[in-house]
Amino acid sequence: LQPCFNCSPLSLSDFLWSKYFSIINERSVSDEFFDHYLTSVNSAFEIDMKLEYCYDTQRDLYWLTQIQLVSHSLVLLHYVGIPEDDTSKDFWAYIYGQRCHPIGWCKENSKLMLPPPIVTQRAVQPTANNNTILNGSDKQITIDQGENEELQTPAAYLFDRVNFF
């Protein structure tokens, strides 16, 4: 590319990639090369959504996690109950595996929600009820879908693998 010394600066609204490529006699990259990115952007999984995650497959134990980042079919998860600024225990999970589920899935499928040791070490105590958590300050958090407008979870159908390629 060569600088344009005698032309006025273009505003972003005036700039057209198609015109630019035509001027420099180049072609744009086909959209098919960006399917992975477009799928990630349109996946409907969003940062701060909550999931029920199977952290122990042998004993079939689940706990709440919060999405920190979404990248295609992977989500970076953070256990609820660990301070948000402590990212040392965050981990990547495959959305379409058998370990990630929407809020309410454990209750519907009679699965045990029990905090993992890294959470219990931080004084988060579950109640016997499968839909309530007591934290160290004795504030009760209800996790039933629909009872708390601030609690967002992906729709159940999003966990079904769809072949995009």
N, C-alpha and C. Protein backbone atom coordinates (compact mmCIF):
# COMPACT_ATOMS: atom_id res chain seq x y z
N LEU A 1 0.84 -1.18 0.00
CA LEU A 1 0.00 0.00 0.00
C LEU A 1 0.87 1.24 0.00
N GLN A 2 0.39 2.23 -0.69
CA GLN A 2 1.12 3.48 -0.73
C GLN A 2 0.26 4.57 -0.12
N PRO A 3 0.89 5.46 0.65
CA PRO A 3 0.10 6.53 1.27
C PRO A 3 -0.47 7.48 0.23
N CYS A 4 -1.58 8.03 0.55
CA CYS A 4 -2.24 8.99 -0.32
C CYS A 4 -2.02 10.38 0.28
N PHE A 5 -1.13 11.16 -0.32
CA PHE A 5 -0.78 12.46 0.24
C PHE A 5 -1.74 13.57 -0.19
N ASN A 6 -2.35 13.40 -1.35
CA ASN A 6 -3.20 14.47 -1.87
C ASN A 6 -4.68 14.19 -1.73
N CYS A 7 -5.05 13.21 -0.97
CA CYS A 7 -6.48 12.92 -0.84
C CYS A 7 -6.96 13.28 0.56
N SER A 8 -8.23 13.57 0.62
CA SER A 8 -8.81 13.93 1.91
C SER A 8 -9.04 12.65 2.71
N PRO A 9 -8.94 12.74 4.03
CA PRO A 9 -9.18 11.54 4.84
C PRO A 9 -10.64 11.10 4.72
N LEU A 10 -10.84 9.83 4.55
CA LEU A 10 -12.18 9.28 4.44
C LEU A 10 -12.74 9.00 5.83
N SER A 11 -13.99 9.28 5.98
CA SER A 11 -14.63 8.89 7.24
C SER A 11 -14.99 7.41 7.14
N LEU A 12 -15.19 6.79 8.27
CA LEU A 12 -15.52 5.37 8.27
C LEU A 12 -16.80 5.08 7.51
N SER A 13 -17.74 6.01 7.54
CA SER A 13 -19.00 5.78 6.85
C SER A 13 -18.85 5.83 5.33
N ASP A 14 -17.79 6.49 4.83
CA ASP A 14 -17.56 6.57 3.39
C ASP A 14 -16.74 5.41 2.85
N PHE A 15 -16.08 4.69 3.71
CA PHE A 15 -15.18 3.64 3.28
C PHE A 15 -15.94 2.37 2.92
N LEU A 16 -15.65 1.81 1.75
CA LEU A 16 -16.25 0.56 1.31
C LEU A 16 -15.14 -0.42 0.95
N TRP A 17 -15.13 -1.55 1.65
CA TRP A 17 -14.09 -2.54 1.38
C TRP A 17 -14.14 -3.01 -0.06
N SER A 18 -15.31 -3.22 -0.60
CA SER A 18 -15.42 -3.72 -1.98
C SER A 18 -14.77 -2.74 -2.97
N LYS A 19 -14.99 -1.45 -2.76
CA LYS A 19 -14.39 -0.43 -3.63
C LYS A 19 -12.88 -0.41 -3.46
N TYR A 20 -12.44 -0.50 -2.22
CA TYR A 20 -11.00 -0.51 -1.93
C TYR A 20 -10.32 -1.69 -2.62
N PHE A 21 -10.89 -2.89 -2.50
CA PHE A 21 -10.30 -4.07 -3.14
C PHE A 21 -10.29 -3.93 -4.66
N SER A 22 -11.31 -3.30 -5.20
CA SER A 22 -11.36 -3.07 -6.64
C SER A 22 -10.22 -2.13 -7.07
N ILE A 23 -9.97 -1.10 -6.30
CA ILE A 23 -8.92 -0.12 -6.62
C ILE A 23 -7.54 -0.77 -6.58
N ILE A 24 -7.31 -1.60 -5.59
CA ILE A 24 -5.98 -2.22 -5.47
C ILE A 24 -5.90 -3.57 -6.20
N ASN A 25 -6.97 -3.89 -6.93
CA ASN A 25 -7.02 -5.11 -7.73
C ASN A 25 -6.80 -6.38 -6.90
N GLU A 26 -7.55 -6.48 -5.82
CA GLU A 26 -7.49 -7.65 -4.93
C GLU A 26 -8.90 -8.17 -4.69
N ARG A 27 -8.98 -9.37 -4.14
CA ARG A 27 -10.27 -9.97 -3.80
C ARG A 27 -10.36 -10.11 -2.28
N SER A 28 -11.57 -10.11 -1.79
CA SER A 28 -11.77 -10.34 -0.35
C SER A 28 -11.76 -11.84 -0.07
N VAL A 29 -11.50 -12.18 1.15
CA VAL A 29 -11.50 -13.58 1.57
C VAL A 29 -12.96 -14.03 1.68
N SER A 30 -13.21 -15.25 1.24
CA SER A 30 -14.56 -15.80 1.28
C SER A 30 -15.07 -15.92 2.71
N ASP A 31 -16.36 -15.69 2.90
CA ASP A 31 -16.98 -15.80 4.23
C ASP A 31 -16.83 -17.19 4.83
N GLU A 32 -16.70 -18.21 3.98
CA GLU A 32 -16.60 -19.58 4.49
C GLU A 32 -15.38 -19.78 5.39
N PHE A 33 -14.38 -18.91 5.26
CA PHE A 33 -13.21 -19.00 6.12
C PHE A 33 -13.46 -18.46 7.52
N PHE A 34 -14.61 -17.86 7.74
CA PHE A 34 -14.91 -17.25 9.03
C PHE A 34 -16.08 -17.91 9.75
N ASP A 35 -16.48 -19.11 9.32
CA ASP A 35 -17.59 -19.81 9.97
C ASP A 35 -17.36 -19.99 11.45
N HIS A 36 -16.14 -20.33 11.84
CA HIS A 36 -15.85 -20.55 13.26
C HIS A 36 -16.11 -19.28 14.07
N TYR A 37 -15.76 -18.14 13.51
CA TYR A 37 -15.98 -16.88 14.22
C TYR A 37 -17.46 -16.53 14.25
N LEU A 38 -18.13 -16.65 13.11
CA LEU A 38 -19.55 -16.32 13.05
C LEU A 38 -20.36 -17.22 13.97
N THR A 39 -20.02 -18.50 14.04
CA THR A 39 -20.70 -19.42 14.94
C THR A 39 -20.52 -18.98 16.38
N SER A 40 -19.31 -18.58 16.72
CA SER A 40 -19.02 -18.14 18.08
C SER A 40 -19.82 -16.89 18.43
N VAL A 41 -19.87 -15.95 17.52
CA VAL A 41 -20.59 -14.71 17.77
C VAL A 41 -22.09 -14.96 17.90
N ASN A 42 -22.62 -15.87 17.10
CA ASN A 42 -24.04 -16.13 17.08
C ASN A 42 -24.47 -17.32 17.93
N SER A 43 -23.63 -17.79 18.82
CA SER A 43 -23.93 -19.02 19.55
C SER A 43 -25.00 -18.84 20.62
N ALA A 44 -25.31 -17.65 21.03
CA ALA A 44 -26.29 -17.33 22.07
C ALA A 44 -25.76 -17.63 23.47
N PHE A 45 -24.56 -18.15 23.59
CA PHE A 45 -23.91 -18.26 24.89
C PHE A 45 -23.24 -16.91 25.15
N GLU A 46 -23.52 -16.34 26.31
CA GLU A 46 -23.01 -15.00 26.60
C GLU A 46 -22.24 -14.97 27.91
N ILE A 47 -21.33 -14.04 27.99
CA ILE A 47 -20.57 -13.82 29.22
C ILE A 47 -21.55 -13.53 30.36
N ASP A 48 -21.28 -14.09 31.53
CA ASP A 48 -22.05 -13.97 32.77
C ASP A 48 -23.24 -14.91 32.86
N MET A 49 -23.55 -15.66 31.80
CA MET A 49 -24.60 -16.67 31.92
C MET A 49 -24.11 -17.77 32.87
N LYS A 50 -25.07 -18.41 33.54
CA LYS A 50 -24.74 -19.48 34.48
C LYS A 50 -25.07 -20.84 33.86
N LEU A 51 -24.26 -21.84 34.19
CA LEU A 51 -24.46 -23.22 33.74
C LEU A 51 -24.32 -24.15 34.93
N GLU A 52 -24.90 -25.32 34.82
CA GLU A 52 -24.63 -26.40 35.77
C GLU A 52 -23.59 -27.29 35.11
N TYR A 53 -22.50 -27.53 35.81
CA TYR A 53 -21.36 -28.23 35.23
C TYR A 53 -21.02 -29.47 36.04
N CYS A 54 -20.81 -30.60 35.37
CA CYS A 54 -20.41 -31.85 36.03
C CYS A 54 -18.90 -31.82 36.23
N TYR A 55 -18.49 -31.55 37.46
CA TYR A 55 -17.05 -31.48 37.75
C TYR A 55 -16.47 -32.83 38.15
N ASP A 56 -17.31 -33.81 38.48
CA ASP A 56 -16.84 -35.14 38.86
C ASP A 56 -17.71 -36.17 38.15
N THR A 57 -17.21 -36.70 37.03
CA THR A 57 -18.02 -37.63 36.23
C THR A 57 -18.17 -38.99 36.90
N GLN A 58 -17.20 -39.41 37.69
CA GLN A 58 -17.30 -40.71 38.36
C GLN A 58 -18.41 -40.72 39.40
N ARG A 59 -18.54 -39.62 40.15
CA ARG A 59 -19.57 -39.55 41.19
C ARG A 59 -20.80 -38.77 40.72
N ASP A 60 -20.77 -38.26 39.48
CA ASP A 60 -21.89 -37.54 38.89
C ASP A 60 -22.29 -36.33 39.74
N LEU A 61 -21.30 -35.47 40.06
CA LEU A 61 -21.52 -34.29 40.89
C LEU A 61 -21.46 -33.02 40.04
N TYR A 62 -22.35 -32.09 40.35
CA TYR A 62 -22.49 -30.86 39.57
C TYR A 62 -22.37 -29.64 40.46
N TRP A 63 -21.98 -28.52 39.83
CA TRP A 63 -21.97 -27.24 40.53
C TRP A 63 -22.17 -26.12 39.52
N LEU A 64 -22.55 -24.97 40.04
CA LEU A 64 -22.80 -23.80 39.19
C LEU A 64 -21.50 -23.18 38.72
N THR A 65 -21.52 -22.77 37.46
CA THR A 65 -20.40 -22.03 36.89
C THR A 65 -20.96 -20.82 36.16
N GLN A 66 -20.08 -19.87 35.92
CA GLN A 66 -20.46 -18.66 35.21
C GLN A 66 -19.54 -18.51 34.01
N ILE A 67 -20.12 -18.20 32.85
CA ILE A 67 -19.34 -18.04 31.63
C ILE A 67 -18.52 -16.75 31.70
N GLN A 68 -17.21 -16.89 31.47
CA GLN A 68 -16.30 -15.75 31.45
C GLN A 68 -15.95 -15.32 30.03
N LEU A 69 -15.94 -16.29 29.11
CA LEU A 69 -15.56 -16.03 27.73
C LEU A 69 -16.14 -17.13 26.85
N VAL A 70 -16.49 -16.78 25.62
CA VAL A 70 -17.02 -17.76 24.66
C VAL A 70 -16.12 -17.75 23.44
N SER A 71 -15.71 -18.93 23.01
CA SER A 71 -14.89 -19.06 21.81
C SER A 71 -15.35 -20.29 21.04
N HIS A 72 -16.16 -20.06 20.02
CA HIS A 72 -16.73 -21.13 19.20
C HIS A 72 -17.50 -22.09 20.09
N SER A 73 -17.09 -23.33 20.20
CA SER A 73 -17.83 -24.29 21.01
C SER A 73 -17.19 -24.50 22.39
N LEU A 74 -16.35 -23.57 22.78
CA LEU A 74 -15.72 -23.62 24.10
C LEU A 74 -16.17 -22.43 24.93
N VAL A 75 -16.31 -22.67 26.24
CA VAL A 75 -16.61 -21.58 27.17
C VAL A 75 -15.60 -21.62 28.30
N LEU A 76 -15.16 -20.45 28.71
CA LEU A 76 -14.29 -20.34 29.88
C LEU A 76 -15.21 -20.18 31.08
N LEU A 77 -15.12 -21.13 32.03
CA LEU A 77 -16.04 -21.17 33.16
C LEU A 77 -15.35 -20.82 34.48
N HIS A 78 -16.13 -20.23 35.37
CA HIS A 78 -15.69 -19.84 36.71
C HIS A 78 -16.70 -20.39 37.70
N TYR A 79 -16.23 -21.13 38.71
CA TYR A 79 -17.15 -21.69 39.71
C TYR A 79 -17.81 -20.59 40.53
N VAL A 80 -19.13 -20.66 40.67
CA VAL A 80 -19.86 -19.75 41.54
C VAL A 80 -19.46 -20.08 42.97
N GLY A 81 -19.11 -19.06 43.74
CA GLY A 81 -18.67 -19.26 45.11
C GLY A 81 -17.20 -18.91 45.29
N ILE A 82 -16.47 -18.87 44.20
CA ILE A 82 -15.08 -18.42 44.23
C ILE A 82 -15.11 -16.94 43.86
N PRO A 83 -14.36 -16.09 44.58
CA PRO A 83 -14.38 -14.66 44.25
C PRO A 83 -14.10 -14.42 42.76
N GLU A 84 -14.81 -13.46 42.20
CA GLU A 84 -14.69 -13.19 40.77
C GLU A 84 -13.28 -12.80 40.36
N ASP A 85 -12.54 -12.17 41.26
CA ASP A 85 -11.20 -11.73 40.91
C ASP A 85 -10.16 -12.86 40.99
N ASP A 86 -10.57 -14.03 41.47
CA ASP A 86 -9.69 -15.20 41.53
C ASP A 86 -9.96 -16.07 40.31
N THR A 87 -9.14 -15.92 39.29
CA THR A 87 -9.34 -16.67 38.04
C THR A 87 -8.45 -17.91 37.97
N SER A 88 -7.77 -18.22 39.06
CA SER A 88 -6.81 -19.33 39.05
C SER A 88 -7.48 -20.69 38.83
N LYS A 89 -8.75 -20.80 39.13
CA LYS A 89 -9.46 -22.08 38.97
C LYS A 89 -10.39 -22.08 37.76
N ASP A 90 -10.37 -21.02 36.95
CA ASP A 90 -11.19 -20.98 35.74
C ASP A 90 -10.70 -22.04 34.76
N PHE A 91 -11.60 -22.56 33.94
CA PHE A 91 -11.25 -23.64 33.03
C PHE A 91 -12.12 -23.59 31.79
N TRP A 92 -11.61 -24.19 30.73
CA TRP A 92 -12.34 -24.26 29.46
C TRP A 92 -13.16 -25.54 29.42
N ALA A 93 -14.36 -25.43 28.87
CA ALA A 93 -15.24 -26.60 28.73
C ALA A 93 -15.87 -26.58 27.34
N TYR A 94 -16.09 -27.76 26.83
CA TYR A 94 -16.73 -27.95 25.53
C TYR A 94 -18.25 -27.90 25.74
N ILE A 95 -18.90 -26.96 25.10
CA ILE A 95 -20.34 -26.74 25.30
C ILE A 95 -21.16 -27.99 25.00
N TYR A 96 -20.79 -28.72 23.95
CA TYR A 96 -21.63 -29.81 23.49
C TYR A 96 -21.28 -31.15 24.13
N GLY A 97 -20.40 -31.16 25.10
CA GLY A 97 -20.10 -32.39 25.83
C GLY A 97 -21.24 -32.67 26.81
N GLN A 98 -21.10 -33.72 27.57
CA GLN A 98 -22.16 -34.10 28.51
C GLN A 98 -22.00 -33.44 29.87
N ARG A 99 -21.13 -32.44 29.99
CA ARG A 99 -20.85 -31.86 31.30
C ARG A 99 -21.52 -30.51 31.53
N CYS A 100 -21.91 -29.82 30.50
CA CYS A 100 -22.53 -28.49 30.62
C CYS A 100 -24.04 -28.59 30.40
N HIS A 101 -24.77 -27.93 31.30
CA HIS A 101 -26.24 -27.98 31.22
C HIS A 101 -26.82 -26.64 31.68
N PRO A 102 -28.03 -26.30 31.21
CA PRO A 102 -28.67 -25.06 31.66
C PRO A 102 -29.12 -25.18 33.11
N ILE A 103 -29.33 -24.04 33.75
CA ILE A 103 -29.82 -24.01 35.12
C ILE A 103 -31.17 -24.74 35.18
N GLY A 104 -31.31 -25.60 36.17
CA GLY A 104 -32.54 -26.36 36.33
C GLY A 104 -32.42 -27.79 35.83
N TRP A 105 -31.40 -28.08 35.04
CA TRP A 105 -31.23 -29.42 34.48
C TRP A 105 -31.00 -30.45 35.59
N CYS A 106 -30.18 -30.12 36.58
CA CYS A 106 -29.91 -31.07 37.67
C CYS A 106 -31.18 -31.41 38.43
N LYS A 107 -31.98 -30.40 38.70
CA LYS A 107 -33.23 -30.63 39.43
C LYS A 107 -34.16 -31.52 38.61
N GLU A 108 -34.29 -31.23 37.32
CA GLU A 108 -35.16 -32.02 36.45
C GLU A 108 -34.69 -33.46 36.30
N ASN A 109 -33.39 -33.69 36.41
CA ASN A 109 -32.82 -35.02 36.19
C ASN A 109 -32.33 -35.68 37.48
N SER A 110 -32.74 -35.12 38.62
CA SER A 110 -32.39 -35.68 39.94
C SER A 110 -30.89 -35.89 40.12
N LYS A 111 -30.12 -34.88 39.73
CA LYS A 111 -28.66 -34.92 39.89
C LYS A 111 -28.27 -34.10 41.11
N LEU A 112 -27.22 -34.53 41.78
CA LEU A 112 -26.77 -33.88 43.00
C LEU A 112 -25.89 -32.67 42.69
N MET A 113 -26.28 -31.52 43.24
CA MET A 113 -25.45 -30.33 43.15
C MET A 113 -24.71 -30.18 44.47
N LEU A 114 -23.41 -30.36 44.40
CA LEU A 114 -22.56 -30.29 45.58
C LEU A 114 -21.31 -29.52 45.18
N PRO A 115 -20.94 -28.51 45.94
CA PRO A 115 -19.78 -27.71 45.52
C PRO A 115 -18.49 -28.54 45.53
N PRO A 116 -17.62 -28.29 44.57
CA PRO A 116 -16.33 -28.98 44.57
C PRO A 116 -15.47 -28.49 45.72
N PRO A 117 -14.46 -29.25 46.11
CA PRO A 117 -13.61 -28.85 47.24
C PRO A 117 -13.03 -27.44 47.11
N ILE A 118 -12.69 -27.02 45.90
CA ILE A 118 -12.11 -25.68 45.78
C ILE A 118 -13.11 -24.58 46.14
N VAL A 119 -14.39 -24.89 46.06
CA VAL A 119 -15.42 -23.92 46.46
C VAL A 119 -15.69 -24.02 47.96
N THR A 120 -15.79 -25.24 48.48
CA THR A 120 -16.09 -25.40 49.91
C THR A 120 -14.96 -24.88 50.77
N GLN A 121 -13.76 -24.88 50.27
CA GLN A 121 -12.63 -24.31 51.00
C GLN A 121 -12.82 -22.81 51.19
N ARG A 122 -13.70 -22.23 50.44
CA ARG A 122 -13.95 -20.79 50.53
C ARG A 122 -15.24 -20.49 51.27
N ALA A 123 -15.72 -21.45 52.05
CA ALA A 123 -16.86 -21.28 52.97
C ALA A 123 -18.20 -21.07 52.28
N VAL A 124 -18.40 -21.64 51.11
CA VAL A 124 -19.72 -21.64 50.50
C VAL A 124 -20.38 -22.94 50.90
N GLN A 125 -21.58 -22.86 51.47
CA GLN A 125 -22.23 -24.05 51.97
C GLN A 125 -23.57 -24.26 51.26
N PRO A 126 -23.77 -25.41 50.61
CA PRO A 126 -25.06 -25.68 49.99
C PRO A 126 -26.07 -26.13 51.04
N THR A 127 -27.32 -25.92 50.76
CA THR A 127 -28.37 -26.45 51.63
C THR A 127 -28.78 -27.81 51.09
N ALA A 128 -29.64 -28.50 51.80
CA ALA A 128 -30.13 -29.80 51.33
C ALA A 128 -31.02 -29.63 50.11
N ASN A 129 -31.62 -28.46 49.98
CA ASN A 129 -32.48 -28.15 48.84
C ASN A 129 -31.59 -28.02 47.60
N ASN A 130 -32.02 -28.56 46.49
CA ASN A 130 -31.21 -28.58 45.28
C ASN A 130 -31.24 -27.26 44.52
N ASN A 131 -31.96 -26.27 45.01
CA ASN A 131 -32.04 -25.03 44.25
C ASN A 131 -31.70 -23.80 45.07
N THR A 132 -31.01 -23.98 46.18
CA THR A 132 -30.65 -22.85 47.02
C THR A 132 -29.21 -22.96 47.46
N ILE A 133 -28.52 -21.85 47.50
CA ILE A 133 -27.14 -21.81 47.97
C ILE A 133 -27.08 -20.80 49.10
N LEU A 134 -26.35 -21.13 50.15
CA LEU A 134 -26.08 -20.15 51.19
C LEU A 134 -24.61 -19.81 51.10
N ASN A 135 -24.32 -18.52 51.03
CA ASN A 135 -22.91 -18.17 51.02
C ASN A 135 -22.49 -17.73 52.42
N GLY A 136 -21.24 -17.37 52.59
CA GLY A 136 -20.71 -17.07 53.91
C GLY A 136 -21.43 -15.96 54.63
N SER A 137 -22.08 -15.06 53.94
CA SER A 137 -22.78 -13.95 54.59
C SER A 137 -24.25 -14.28 54.83
N ASP A 138 -24.63 -15.55 54.69
CA ASP A 138 -25.99 -16.04 54.91
C ASP A 138 -27.02 -15.41 53.98
N LYS A 139 -26.57 -14.89 52.86
CA LYS A 139 -27.51 -14.41 51.86
C LYS A 139 -27.94 -15.61 51.03
N GLN A 140 -29.22 -15.76 50.85
CA GLN A 140 -29.73 -16.90 50.10
C GLN A 140 -29.84 -16.52 48.63
N ILE A 141 -29.36 -17.40 47.78
CA ILE A 141 -29.42 -17.18 46.34
C ILE A 141 -30.29 -18.28 45.75
N THR A 142 -31.39 -17.92 45.13
CA THR A 142 -32.25 -18.92 44.50
C THR A 142 -31.79 -19.09 43.07
N ILE A 143 -31.64 -20.33 42.64
CA ILE A 143 -31.11 -20.58 41.31
C ILE A 143 -32.12 -21.20 40.36
N ASP A 144 -33.38 -21.27 40.76
CA ASP A 144 -34.39 -21.79 39.84
C ASP A 144 -34.54 -20.83 38.68
N GLN A 145 -34.57 -21.38 37.48
CA GLN A 145 -34.74 -20.56 36.29
C GLN A 145 -36.08 -19.85 36.36
N GLY A 146 -36.06 -18.56 36.09
CA GLY A 146 -37.29 -17.80 36.06
C GLY A 146 -37.61 -17.08 37.36
N GLU A 147 -37.05 -17.49 38.48
CA GLU A 147 -37.35 -16.83 39.74
C GLU A 147 -36.47 -15.60 39.96
N ASN A 148 -35.37 -15.52 39.28
CA ASN A 148 -34.46 -14.40 39.44
C ASN A 148 -34.15 -13.84 38.06
N GLU A 149 -34.61 -12.65 37.79
CA GLU A 149 -34.45 -12.08 36.46
C GLU A 149 -32.99 -11.85 36.10
N GLU A 150 -32.13 -11.64 37.11
CA GLU A 150 -30.73 -11.39 36.84
C GLU A 150 -29.99 -12.65 36.45
N LEU A 151 -30.53 -13.81 36.77
CA LEU A 151 -29.88 -15.07 36.46
C LEU A 151 -30.18 -15.45 35.02
N GLN A 152 -29.13 -15.51 34.21
CA GLN A 152 -29.30 -15.87 32.81
C GLN A 152 -28.64 -17.21 32.55
N THR A 153 -29.32 -18.05 31.83
CA THR A 153 -28.78 -19.34 31.43
C THR A 153 -29.16 -19.58 29.98
N PRO A 154 -28.30 -20.23 29.22
CA PRO A 154 -28.65 -20.52 27.83
C PRO A 154 -29.84 -21.47 27.75
N ALA A 155 -30.60 -21.36 26.70
CA ALA A 155 -31.73 -22.27 26.48
C ALA A 155 -31.21 -23.69 26.31
N ALA A 156 -31.99 -24.66 26.75
CA ALA A 156 -31.57 -26.06 26.74
C ALA A 156 -31.19 -26.55 25.34
N TYR A 157 -31.91 -26.11 24.31
CA TYR A 157 -31.62 -26.61 22.96
C TYR A 157 -30.23 -26.21 22.47
N LEU A 158 -29.65 -25.17 23.06
CA LEU A 158 -28.33 -24.72 22.62
C LEU A 158 -27.22 -25.72 22.96
N PHE A 159 -27.50 -26.62 23.89
CA PHE A 159 -26.50 -27.60 24.29
C PHE A 159 -26.47 -28.81 23.36
N ASP A 160 -27.41 -28.87 22.43
CA ASP A 160 -27.43 -29.94 21.44
C ASP A 160 -26.48 -29.57 20.32
N ARG A 161 -25.57 -30.46 20.03
CA ARG A 161 -24.56 -30.16 19.01
C ARG A 161 -25.22 -30.02 17.64
N VAL A 162 -24.85 -28.95 16.96
CA VAL A 162 -25.31 -28.71 15.59
C VAL A 162 -24.06 -28.64 14.73
N ASN A 163 -24.06 -29.34 13.64
CA ASN A 163 -22.90 -29.34 12.77
C ASN A 163 -22.97 -28.12 11.86
N PHE A 164 -22.05 -27.17 12.06
CA PHE A 164 -22.05 -25.95 11.28
C PHE A 164 -21.17 -26.05 10.04
N PHE A 165 -20.40 -27.12 9.91
CA PHE A 165 -19.45 -27.20 8.81
C PHE A 165 -19.83 -28.27 7.83
